[in-house]
Amino acid sequence: MNFLRTPVTWITILICVLIFITIQRQRESILDTEIIRKYSLIPIQVKRGQYYRLFTGGLIHLQIYHLLVNMYALYNLGSLMEVQLGSFWFTVILVLSVICGNLACVYYGDSRTITVGISGGLYGLLAAYIIMLLRYGILTNPAVLSSVLRTVIINAVIMMMPNVSVLGHLGGAAAGAILAVIRFFIF
């Protein structure tokens, strides 16, 4: 993946990794850093007007496996989707999917639950990918359809794991699908 073709993907990965390293260097316990207290998604704080958390919570990852899985997915989806969409639309879909996924958590989830991670944005990109395949008629190819179905099933299983934000994933996917329809069918 070339930085010049996918700068938003690379910059987002770099930001997430640097935030993770900073948290690891500062923390004594899982919630004992200023970054987590000030920037993670805490629904009650969003409802009190700290709307920036709808975005910043997506850049924070607490465990190494969470960071690695999400950055690997971002690398793969980003290398494809940023080239196909262009950096502007890629950024719009990624950012708004993160925000919408987090909004779903704020308004339909537990108001005391702390949520972190870029997964809502990744599910938005995955939904956009599926819409793109539909738009260009590629999804009718049996091999492509089989691959997409396997990916959807794997992600459905992931959403059943403990401490996974189903609302964040579904909210992000819905936003990504809507934005992809606008991008591929209107613009």
N, C-alpha and C. Protein backbone atom coordinates (compact mmCIF):
# COMPACT_ATOMS: atom_id res chain seq x y z
N MET A 1 0.86 -1.17 0.00
CA MET A 1 0.00 0.00 0.00
C MET A 1 0.90 1.23 0.00
N ASN A 2 0.67 2.09 -0.93
CA ASN A 2 1.47 3.29 -1.13
C ASN A 2 0.89 4.45 -0.32
N PHE A 3 1.74 5.13 0.47
CA PHE A 3 1.29 6.26 1.28
C PHE A 3 0.62 7.33 0.44
N LEU A 4 1.16 7.61 -0.74
CA LEU A 4 0.60 8.67 -1.57
C LEU A 4 -0.79 8.34 -2.10
N ARG A 5 -1.09 7.05 -2.26
CA ARG A 5 -2.41 6.65 -2.73
C ARG A 5 -3.41 6.50 -1.59
N THR A 6 -2.91 6.26 -0.37
CA THR A 6 -3.81 6.03 0.76
C THR A 6 -3.33 6.78 2.01
N PRO A 7 -3.19 8.09 1.93
CA PRO A 7 -2.64 8.83 3.07
C PRO A 7 -3.54 8.82 4.30
N VAL A 8 -4.83 8.85 4.12
CA VAL A 8 -5.74 8.89 5.28
C VAL A 8 -5.65 7.58 6.06
N THR A 9 -5.55 6.48 5.35
CA THR A 9 -5.41 5.17 6.00
C THR A 9 -4.15 5.15 6.84
N TRP A 10 -3.02 5.54 6.26
CA TRP A 10 -1.75 5.51 6.98
C TRP A 10 -1.73 6.47 8.15
N ILE A 11 -2.26 7.66 7.97
CA ILE A 11 -2.28 8.65 9.06
C ILE A 11 -3.17 8.17 10.20
N THR A 12 -4.30 7.56 9.87
CA THR A 12 -5.20 7.05 10.90
C THR A 12 -4.53 5.92 11.69
N ILE A 13 -3.87 5.01 10.99
CA ILE A 13 -3.15 3.93 11.66
C ILE A 13 -2.08 4.51 12.58
N LEU A 14 -1.32 5.47 12.10
CA LEU A 14 -0.26 6.10 12.89
C LEU A 14 -0.83 6.75 14.15
N ILE A 15 -1.92 7.49 14.00
CA ILE A 15 -2.54 8.15 15.16
C ILE A 15 -2.99 7.13 16.19
N CYS A 16 -3.67 6.07 15.74
CA CYS A 16 -4.15 5.04 16.67
C CYS A 16 -2.99 4.36 17.40
N VAL A 17 -1.92 4.07 16.68
CA VAL A 17 -0.76 3.42 17.29
C VAL A 17 -0.09 4.36 18.30
N LEU A 18 0.08 5.63 17.94
CA LEU A 18 0.71 6.58 18.86
C LEU A 18 -0.13 6.78 20.12
N ILE A 19 -1.44 6.85 19.97
CA ILE A 19 -2.30 6.97 21.15
C ILE A 19 -2.17 5.73 22.02
N PHE A 20 -2.17 4.56 21.40
CA PHE A 20 -2.01 3.31 22.16
C PHE A 20 -0.70 3.30 22.94
N ILE A 21 0.39 3.67 22.29
CA ILE A 21 1.71 3.69 22.95
C ILE A 21 1.69 4.68 24.11
N THR A 22 1.10 5.84 23.90
CA THR A 22 1.03 6.86 24.96
C THR A 22 0.24 6.32 26.16
N ILE A 23 -0.88 5.68 25.89
CA ILE A 23 -1.70 5.11 26.98
C ILE A 23 -0.90 4.05 27.73
N GLN A 24 -0.20 3.18 27.01
CA GLN A 24 0.56 2.11 27.65
C GLN A 24 1.68 2.66 28.53
N ARG A 25 2.27 3.74 28.11
CA ARG A 25 3.37 4.33 28.89
C ARG A 25 2.86 5.04 30.14
N GLN A 26 1.61 5.52 30.10
CA GLN A 26 1.08 6.31 31.22
C GLN A 26 0.27 5.50 32.22
N ARG A 27 -0.23 4.38 31.82
CA ARG A 27 -1.26 3.75 32.65
C ARG A 27 -0.71 2.87 33.76
N GLU A 28 -1.43 2.93 34.86
CA GLU A 28 -1.17 2.03 35.97
C GLU A 28 -2.32 1.02 36.07
N SER A 29 -3.50 1.47 35.70
CA SER A 29 -4.64 0.56 35.60
C SER A 29 -5.35 0.88 34.30
N ILE A 30 -6.31 0.05 33.91
CA ILE A 30 -6.92 0.17 32.59
C ILE A 30 -7.60 1.52 32.35
N LEU A 31 -8.09 2.18 33.38
CA LEU A 31 -8.76 3.47 33.19
C LEU A 31 -7.99 4.61 33.83
N ASP A 32 -6.72 4.39 34.08
CA ASP A 32 -5.96 5.37 34.84
C ASP A 32 -5.07 6.25 33.97
N THR A 33 -5.58 6.70 32.85
CA THR A 33 -4.81 7.67 32.06
C THR A 33 -5.71 8.83 31.68
N GLU A 34 -5.10 9.96 31.51
CA GLU A 34 -5.84 11.17 31.15
C GLU A 34 -6.51 11.01 29.79
N ILE A 35 -5.84 10.35 28.86
CA ILE A 35 -6.40 10.16 27.51
C ILE A 35 -7.73 9.40 27.60
N ILE A 36 -7.75 8.32 28.35
CA ILE A 36 -8.97 7.53 28.46
C ILE A 36 -10.07 8.32 29.17
N ARG A 37 -9.72 8.98 30.26
CA ARG A 37 -10.72 9.77 31.00
C ARG A 37 -11.29 10.91 30.16
N LYS A 38 -10.45 11.57 29.38
CA LYS A 38 -10.89 12.77 28.66
C LYS A 38 -11.44 12.50 27.26
N TYR A 39 -11.04 11.40 26.61
CA TYR A 39 -11.35 11.25 25.19
C TYR A 39 -12.11 9.99 24.80
N SER A 40 -12.24 9.01 25.68
CA SER A 40 -13.01 7.81 25.31
C SER A 40 -14.49 8.15 25.26
N LEU A 41 -15.25 7.27 24.64
CA LEU A 41 -16.69 7.49 24.54
C LEU A 41 -17.33 7.09 25.87
N ILE A 42 -17.80 8.08 26.59
CA ILE A 42 -18.57 7.87 27.82
C ILE A 42 -19.91 8.57 27.57
N PRO A 43 -20.96 7.78 27.33
CA PRO A 43 -22.24 8.37 26.91
C PRO A 43 -22.74 9.52 27.77
N ILE A 44 -22.63 9.41 29.08
CA ILE A 44 -23.13 10.48 29.93
C ILE A 44 -22.37 11.78 29.69
N GLN A 45 -21.08 11.68 29.37
CA GLN A 45 -20.29 12.89 29.09
C GLN A 45 -20.68 13.50 27.74
N VAL A 46 -21.01 12.66 26.78
CA VAL A 46 -21.49 13.17 25.48
C VAL A 46 -22.80 13.91 25.69
N LYS A 47 -23.68 13.33 26.48
CA LYS A 47 -24.97 13.97 26.76
C LYS A 47 -24.81 15.27 27.52
N ARG A 48 -23.68 15.45 28.19
CA ARG A 48 -23.38 16.71 28.89
C ARG A 48 -22.67 17.71 27.98
N GLY A 49 -22.53 17.36 26.70
CA GLY A 49 -21.98 18.32 25.75
C GLY A 49 -20.58 18.04 25.23
N GLN A 50 -19.96 16.96 25.66
CA GLN A 50 -18.61 16.64 25.18
C GLN A 50 -18.71 15.80 23.90
N TYR A 51 -19.18 16.43 22.83
CA TYR A 51 -19.47 15.74 21.58
C TYR A 51 -18.22 15.24 20.86
N TYR A 52 -17.08 15.83 21.14
CA TYR A 52 -15.83 15.40 20.51
C TYR A 52 -15.55 13.93 20.80
N ARG A 53 -16.07 13.41 21.92
CA ARG A 53 -15.85 12.01 22.29
C ARG A 53 -16.44 11.05 21.26
N LEU A 54 -17.43 11.50 20.50
CA LEU A 54 -18.02 10.66 19.46
C LEU A 54 -16.99 10.27 18.42
N PHE A 55 -15.99 11.13 18.22
CA PHE A 55 -14.92 10.83 17.27
C PHE A 55 -13.67 10.30 17.99
N THR A 56 -13.25 10.99 19.04
CA THR A 56 -11.97 10.63 19.67
C THR A 56 -11.99 9.23 20.27
N GLY A 57 -13.15 8.78 20.74
CA GLY A 57 -13.24 7.42 21.27
C GLY A 57 -12.85 6.37 20.24
N GLY A 58 -13.04 6.68 18.96
CA GLY A 58 -12.70 5.75 17.89
C GLY A 58 -11.20 5.60 17.67
N LEU A 59 -10.42 6.51 18.18
CA LEU A 59 -8.97 6.45 17.97
C LEU A 59 -8.24 5.74 19.10
N ILE A 60 -8.97 5.42 20.16
CA ILE A 60 -8.38 4.81 21.35
C ILE A 60 -8.59 3.29 21.33
N HIS A 61 -7.51 2.56 21.63
CA HIS A 61 -7.56 1.10 21.77
C HIS A 61 -6.82 0.76 23.05
N LEU A 62 -7.38 -0.12 23.88
CA LEU A 62 -6.79 -0.41 25.18
C LEU A 62 -5.92 -1.65 25.20
N GLN A 63 -6.27 -2.66 24.44
CA GLN A 63 -5.51 -3.91 24.42
C GLN A 63 -4.78 -4.04 23.09
N ILE A 64 -3.62 -4.69 23.14
CA ILE A 64 -2.80 -4.84 21.94
C ILE A 64 -3.54 -5.63 20.86
N TYR A 65 -4.27 -6.68 21.24
CA TYR A 65 -4.99 -7.46 20.22
C TYR A 65 -6.08 -6.62 19.56
N HIS A 66 -6.73 -5.75 20.32
CA HIS A 66 -7.76 -4.87 19.77
C HIS A 66 -7.13 -3.92 18.74
N LEU A 67 -6.01 -3.33 19.11
CA LEU A 67 -5.29 -2.44 18.20
C LEU A 67 -4.85 -3.19 16.95
N LEU A 68 -4.22 -4.34 17.12
CA LEU A 68 -3.68 -5.07 15.97
C LEU A 68 -4.78 -5.54 15.02
N VAL A 69 -5.86 -6.07 15.56
CA VAL A 69 -6.96 -6.54 14.70
C VAL A 69 -7.57 -5.36 13.94
N ASN A 70 -7.82 -4.26 14.66
CA ASN A 70 -8.43 -3.10 13.98
C ASN A 70 -7.50 -2.46 12.97
N MET A 71 -6.21 -2.37 13.28
CA MET A 71 -5.29 -1.74 12.33
C MET A 71 -5.07 -2.64 11.11
N TYR A 72 -5.08 -3.95 11.31
CA TYR A 72 -4.98 -4.87 10.19
C TYR A 72 -6.20 -4.72 9.27
N ALA A 73 -7.38 -4.65 9.88
CA ALA A 73 -8.60 -4.46 9.10
C ALA A 73 -8.59 -3.11 8.39
N LEU A 74 -8.13 -2.07 9.08
CA LEU A 74 -8.05 -0.75 8.46
C LEU A 74 -7.04 -0.74 7.32
N TYR A 75 -5.93 -1.40 7.51
CA TYR A 75 -4.93 -1.51 6.45
C TYR A 75 -5.53 -2.18 5.21
N ASN A 76 -6.23 -3.30 5.42
CA ASN A 76 -6.81 -4.02 4.29
C ASN A 76 -7.95 -3.25 3.63
N LEU A 77 -8.90 -2.80 4.41
CA LEU A 77 -10.02 -2.05 3.84
C LEU A 77 -9.55 -0.70 3.28
N GLY A 78 -8.65 -0.08 4.00
CA GLY A 78 -8.14 1.23 3.55
C GLY A 78 -7.38 1.14 2.25
N SER A 79 -6.57 0.09 2.10
CA SER A 79 -5.78 -0.04 0.87
C SER A 79 -6.68 -0.20 -0.35
N LEU A 80 -7.85 -0.75 -0.14
CA LEU A 80 -8.80 -0.91 -1.23
C LEU A 80 -9.73 0.30 -1.35
N MET A 81 -10.38 0.64 -0.26
CA MET A 81 -11.46 1.63 -0.32
C MET A 81 -10.98 3.06 -0.51
N GLU A 82 -9.84 3.43 0.04
CA GLU A 82 -9.37 4.80 -0.17
C GLU A 82 -9.02 5.03 -1.64
N VAL A 83 -8.48 4.00 -2.29
CA VAL A 83 -8.18 4.10 -3.72
C VAL A 83 -9.48 4.17 -4.52
N GLN A 84 -10.47 3.36 -4.17
CA GLN A 84 -11.73 3.33 -4.92
C GLN A 84 -12.58 4.58 -4.69
N LEU A 85 -12.62 5.05 -3.46
CA LEU A 85 -13.48 6.18 -3.10
C LEU A 85 -12.79 7.53 -3.30
N GLY A 86 -11.49 7.54 -3.21
CA GLY A 86 -10.75 8.79 -3.11
C GLY A 86 -10.65 9.16 -1.64
N SER A 87 -9.63 9.94 -1.29
CA SER A 87 -9.38 10.26 0.12
C SER A 87 -10.53 11.02 0.76
N PHE A 88 -11.19 11.92 0.00
CA PHE A 88 -12.28 12.70 0.58
C PHE A 88 -13.42 11.79 1.03
N TRP A 89 -13.97 10.98 0.11
CA TRP A 89 -15.10 10.13 0.45
C TRP A 89 -14.71 9.05 1.45
N PHE A 90 -13.49 8.55 1.35
CA PHE A 90 -13.01 7.57 2.33
C PHE A 90 -13.04 8.17 3.73
N THR A 91 -12.54 9.39 3.86
CA THR A 91 -12.54 10.07 5.16
C THR A 91 -13.95 10.32 5.66
N VAL A 92 -14.82 10.77 4.78
CA VAL A 92 -16.22 11.03 5.16
C VAL A 92 -16.85 9.75 5.70
N ILE A 93 -16.70 8.66 4.97
CA ILE A 93 -17.33 7.40 5.40
C ILE A 93 -16.71 6.88 6.70
N LEU A 94 -15.39 6.92 6.80
CA LEU A 94 -14.73 6.44 8.02
C LEU A 94 -15.14 7.26 9.23
N VAL A 95 -15.02 8.57 9.14
CA VAL A 95 -15.30 9.45 10.29
C VAL A 95 -16.78 9.41 10.67
N LEU A 96 -17.67 9.53 9.69
CA LEU A 96 -19.10 9.54 10.02
C LEU A 96 -19.58 8.17 10.51
N SER A 97 -18.95 7.10 10.05
CA SER A 97 -19.30 5.77 10.56
C SER A 97 -18.87 5.62 12.02
N VAL A 98 -17.69 6.12 12.35
CA VAL A 98 -17.26 6.12 13.76
C VAL A 98 -18.25 6.91 14.60
N ILE A 99 -18.57 8.12 14.16
CA ILE A 99 -19.47 8.99 14.92
C ILE A 99 -20.86 8.36 15.05
N CYS A 100 -21.41 7.85 13.97
CA CYS A 100 -22.76 7.25 14.02
C CYS A 100 -22.78 5.98 14.86
N GLY A 101 -21.74 5.18 14.77
CA GLY A 101 -21.65 4.00 15.63
C GLY A 101 -21.63 4.40 17.09
N ASN A 102 -20.87 5.44 17.41
CA ASN A 102 -20.80 5.91 18.79
C ASN A 102 -22.11 6.58 19.22
N LEU A 103 -22.78 7.26 18.30
CA LEU A 103 -24.10 7.81 18.63
C LEU A 103 -25.09 6.71 18.99
N ALA A 104 -25.03 5.59 18.28
CA ALA A 104 -25.89 4.46 18.60
C ALA A 104 -25.61 3.97 20.02
N CYS A 105 -24.35 3.94 20.41
CA CYS A 105 -23.99 3.54 21.77
C CYS A 105 -24.52 4.53 22.80
N VAL A 106 -24.41 5.81 22.49
CA VAL A 106 -24.85 6.85 23.42
C VAL A 106 -26.35 6.79 23.65
N TYR A 107 -27.12 6.66 22.58
CA TYR A 107 -28.56 6.79 22.71
C TYR A 107 -29.32 5.48 22.88
N TYR A 108 -28.67 4.36 22.61
CA TYR A 108 -29.37 3.09 22.76
C TYR A 108 -28.66 2.11 23.68
N GLY A 109 -27.49 2.49 24.17
CA GLY A 109 -26.72 1.59 25.04
C GLY A 109 -26.76 2.03 26.48
N ASP A 110 -25.92 1.41 27.27
CA ASP A 110 -25.79 1.72 28.69
C ASP A 110 -25.02 3.03 28.83
N SER A 111 -25.60 4.00 29.51
CA SER A 111 -24.99 5.33 29.60
C SER A 111 -23.71 5.34 30.42
N ARG A 112 -23.40 4.26 31.13
CA ARG A 112 -22.18 4.21 31.94
C ARG A 112 -21.05 3.44 31.27
N THR A 113 -21.32 2.81 30.14
CA THR A 113 -20.33 1.97 29.48
C THR A 113 -19.33 2.83 28.71
N ILE A 114 -18.05 2.56 28.94
CA ILE A 114 -16.99 3.23 28.20
C ILE A 114 -16.73 2.43 26.93
N THR A 115 -16.71 3.13 25.79
CA THR A 115 -16.51 2.47 24.51
C THR A 115 -15.29 3.08 23.82
N VAL A 116 -14.46 2.23 23.25
CA VAL A 116 -13.29 2.70 22.49
C VAL A 116 -13.12 1.83 21.25
N GLY A 117 -12.39 2.35 20.29
CA GLY A 117 -12.03 1.59 19.09
C GLY A 117 -12.68 2.12 17.83
N ILE A 118 -12.03 1.83 16.72
CA ILE A 118 -12.44 2.34 15.41
C ILE A 118 -13.36 1.37 14.68
N SER A 119 -13.86 0.36 15.38
CA SER A 119 -14.66 -0.68 14.75
C SER A 119 -15.90 -0.16 14.02
N GLY A 120 -16.58 0.83 14.58
CA GLY A 120 -17.75 1.39 13.89
C GLY A 120 -17.36 1.91 12.51
N GLY A 121 -16.19 2.54 12.42
CA GLY A 121 -15.70 3.02 11.13
C GLY A 121 -15.36 1.88 10.19
N LEU A 122 -14.80 0.81 10.74
CA LEU A 122 -14.47 -0.36 9.92
C LEU A 122 -15.72 -1.04 9.38
N TYR A 123 -16.74 -1.14 10.22
CA TYR A 123 -17.99 -1.73 9.74
C TYR A 123 -18.64 -0.82 8.69
N GLY A 124 -18.47 0.49 8.85
CA GLY A 124 -18.95 1.42 7.83
C GLY A 124 -18.23 1.21 6.50
N LEU A 125 -16.92 1.01 6.56
CA LEU A 125 -16.16 0.76 5.34
C LEU A 125 -16.53 -0.58 4.71
N LEU A 126 -16.78 -1.59 5.55
CA LEU A 126 -17.20 -2.89 5.04
C LEU A 126 -18.55 -2.77 4.33
N ALA A 127 -19.48 -2.05 4.94
CA ALA A 127 -20.79 -1.84 4.31
C ALA A 127 -20.63 -1.08 2.99
N ALA A 128 -19.75 -0.08 2.98
CA ALA A 128 -19.50 0.68 1.76
C ALA A 128 -18.90 -0.22 0.67
N TYR A 129 -18.03 -1.13 1.06
CA TYR A 129 -17.43 -2.08 0.13
C TYR A 129 -18.51 -2.95 -0.51
N ILE A 130 -19.44 -3.43 0.30
CA ILE A 130 -20.52 -4.27 -0.23
C ILE A 130 -21.41 -3.47 -1.18
N ILE A 131 -21.72 -2.23 -0.82
CA ILE A 131 -22.52 -1.36 -1.70
C ILE A 131 -21.78 -1.12 -3.01
N MET A 132 -20.47 -0.92 -2.94
CA MET A 132 -19.67 -0.72 -4.15
C MET A 132 -19.73 -1.96 -5.05
N LEU A 133 -19.61 -3.14 -4.45
CA LEU A 133 -19.70 -4.38 -5.23
C LEU A 133 -21.07 -4.52 -5.88
N LEU A 134 -22.11 -4.15 -5.16
CA LEU A 134 -23.46 -4.16 -5.74
C LEU A 134 -23.57 -3.20 -6.90
N ARG A 135 -23.07 -2.01 -6.71
CA ARG A 135 -23.17 -0.95 -7.74
C ARG A 135 -22.51 -1.36 -9.05
N TYR A 136 -21.37 -2.00 -8.94
CA TYR A 136 -20.63 -2.37 -10.14
C TYR A 136 -20.95 -3.79 -10.63
N GLY A 137 -21.92 -4.44 -10.01
CA GLY A 137 -22.35 -5.77 -10.45
C GLY A 137 -21.37 -6.88 -10.14
N ILE A 138 -20.41 -6.62 -9.30
CA ILE A 138 -19.37 -7.60 -8.99
C ILE A 138 -19.89 -8.65 -8.01
N LEU A 139 -20.86 -8.28 -7.21
CA LEU A 139 -21.38 -9.19 -6.19
C LEU A 139 -22.10 -10.39 -6.80
N THR A 140 -22.43 -10.33 -8.07
CA THR A 140 -23.08 -11.46 -8.74
C THR A 140 -22.10 -12.60 -9.04
N ASN A 141 -20.80 -12.31 -8.98
CA ASN A 141 -19.78 -13.33 -9.17
C ASN A 141 -19.82 -14.27 -7.97
N PRO A 142 -20.02 -15.58 -8.19
CA PRO A 142 -20.15 -16.52 -7.07
C PRO A 142 -18.95 -16.52 -6.11
N ALA A 143 -17.75 -16.38 -6.63
CA ALA A 143 -16.56 -16.38 -5.76
C ALA A 143 -16.54 -15.13 -4.88
N VAL A 144 -16.89 -13.99 -5.46
CA VAL A 144 -16.94 -12.74 -4.69
C VAL A 144 -18.04 -12.81 -3.65
N LEU A 145 -19.21 -13.28 -4.05
CA LEU A 145 -20.34 -13.39 -3.13
C LEU A 145 -19.98 -14.32 -1.97
N SER A 146 -19.34 -15.43 -2.26
CA SER A 146 -18.94 -16.37 -1.22
C SER A 146 -17.95 -15.72 -0.24
N SER A 147 -17.00 -14.98 -0.77
CA SER A 147 -16.01 -14.29 0.06
C SER A 147 -16.68 -13.24 0.95
N VAL A 148 -17.60 -12.48 0.37
CA VAL A 148 -18.31 -11.45 1.14
C VAL A 148 -19.15 -12.10 2.24
N LEU A 149 -19.85 -13.18 1.91
CA LEU A 149 -20.67 -13.86 2.91
C LEU A 149 -19.82 -14.39 4.06
N ARG A 150 -18.65 -14.96 3.75
CA ARG A 150 -17.75 -15.43 4.80
C ARG A 150 -17.32 -14.27 5.71
N THR A 151 -17.00 -13.15 5.10
CA THR A 151 -16.58 -11.98 5.87
C THR A 151 -17.71 -11.48 6.77
N VAL A 152 -18.92 -11.43 6.24
CA VAL A 152 -20.08 -11.00 7.02
C VAL A 152 -20.34 -11.96 8.18
N ILE A 153 -20.22 -13.25 7.93
CA ILE A 153 -20.44 -14.25 8.98
C ILE A 153 -19.37 -14.12 10.07
N ILE A 154 -18.12 -13.98 9.67
CA ILE A 154 -17.04 -13.81 10.65
C ILE A 154 -17.30 -12.58 11.51
N ASN A 155 -17.74 -11.48 10.87
CA ASN A 155 -18.00 -10.26 11.63
C ASN A 155 -19.24 -10.39 12.50
N ALA A 156 -20.21 -11.17 12.10
CA ALA A 156 -21.37 -11.42 12.95
C ALA A 156 -20.95 -12.21 14.20
N VAL A 157 -20.05 -13.17 14.02
CA VAL A 157 -19.54 -13.93 15.15
C VAL A 157 -18.74 -13.02 16.09
N ILE A 158 -17.93 -12.14 15.53
CA ILE A 158 -17.15 -11.20 16.34
C ILE A 158 -18.07 -10.35 17.20
N MET A 159 -19.21 -9.95 16.64
CA MET A 159 -20.13 -9.11 17.40
C MET A 159 -20.76 -9.85 18.57
N MET A 160 -20.70 -11.18 18.59
CA MET A 160 -21.25 -11.95 19.70
C MET A 160 -20.26 -12.14 20.84
N MET A 161 -19.02 -11.71 20.63
CA MET A 161 -18.00 -11.88 21.66
C MET A 161 -18.25 -10.91 22.81
N PRO A 162 -17.76 -11.24 24.00
CA PRO A 162 -17.95 -10.33 25.14
C PRO A 162 -17.21 -9.01 24.93
N ASN A 163 -17.75 -7.96 25.49
CA ASN A 163 -17.16 -6.61 25.46
C ASN A 163 -17.05 -6.03 24.06
N VAL A 164 -17.89 -6.49 23.15
CA VAL A 164 -17.92 -5.95 21.79
C VAL A 164 -19.18 -5.10 21.66
N SER A 165 -19.03 -3.93 21.10
CA SER A 165 -20.15 -3.00 20.96
C SER A 165 -20.96 -3.31 19.71
N VAL A 166 -22.00 -4.10 19.88
CA VAL A 166 -22.88 -4.44 18.76
C VAL A 166 -23.51 -3.16 18.20
N LEU A 167 -23.96 -2.29 19.09
CA LEU A 167 -24.57 -1.03 18.65
C LEU A 167 -23.58 -0.18 17.85
N GLY A 168 -22.35 -0.11 18.31
CA GLY A 168 -21.33 0.65 17.60
C GLY A 168 -21.07 0.10 16.21
N HIS A 169 -21.01 -1.23 16.11
CA HIS A 169 -20.77 -1.87 14.82
C HIS A 169 -21.96 -1.65 13.88
N LEU A 170 -23.16 -1.88 14.39
CA LEU A 170 -24.35 -1.72 13.54
C LEU A 170 -24.58 -0.27 13.14
N GLY A 171 -24.38 0.65 14.07
CA GLY A 171 -24.51 2.07 13.74
C GLY A 171 -23.51 2.51 12.69
N GLY A 172 -22.27 2.03 12.82
CA GLY A 172 -21.24 2.33 11.83
C GLY A 172 -21.56 1.74 10.47
N ALA A 173 -22.03 0.49 10.47
CA ALA A 173 -22.39 -0.17 9.20
C ALA A 173 -23.54 0.55 8.51
N ALA A 174 -24.54 0.96 9.28
CA ALA A 174 -25.68 1.69 8.69
C ALA A 174 -25.21 3.00 8.07
N ALA A 175 -24.37 3.73 8.78
CA ALA A 175 -23.86 4.99 8.24
C ALA A 175 -23.04 4.75 6.98
N GLY A 176 -22.16 3.75 7.01
CA GLY A 176 -21.34 3.44 5.84
C GLY A 176 -22.18 3.06 4.63
N ALA A 177 -23.23 2.28 4.86
CA ALA A 177 -24.11 1.87 3.76
C ALA A 177 -24.83 3.08 3.16
N ILE A 178 -25.37 3.93 4.01
CA ILE A 178 -26.08 5.12 3.52
C ILE A 178 -25.14 6.04 2.75
N LEU A 179 -23.97 6.28 3.30
CA LEU A 179 -23.01 7.17 2.63
C LEU A 179 -22.52 6.56 1.32
N ALA A 180 -22.34 5.24 1.28
CA ALA A 180 -21.92 4.59 0.04
C ALA A 180 -23.00 4.67 -1.02
N VAL A 181 -24.25 4.54 -0.63
CA VAL A 181 -25.34 4.70 -1.60
C VAL A 181 -25.30 6.11 -2.18
N ILE A 182 -25.09 7.10 -1.32
CA ILE A 182 -24.98 8.48 -1.81
C ILE A 182 -23.80 8.60 -2.77
N ARG A 183 -22.65 8.05 -2.40
CA ARG A 183 -21.44 8.16 -3.22
C ARG A 183 -21.55 7.40 -4.54
N PHE A 184 -22.06 6.17 -4.52
CA PHE A 184 -22.04 5.34 -5.71
C PHE A 184 -23.28 5.46 -6.57
N PHE A 185 -24.39 5.91 -6.01
CA PHE A 185 -25.61 5.98 -6.80
C PHE A 185 -26.05 7.40 -7.09
N ILE A 186 -25.53 8.39 -6.35
CA ILE A 186 -25.95 9.77 -6.58
C ILE A 186 -24.82 10.61 -7.17
N PHE A 187 -23.59 10.45 -6.65
CA PHE A 187 -22.47 11.28 -7.15
C PHE A 187 -21.71 10.56 -8.23
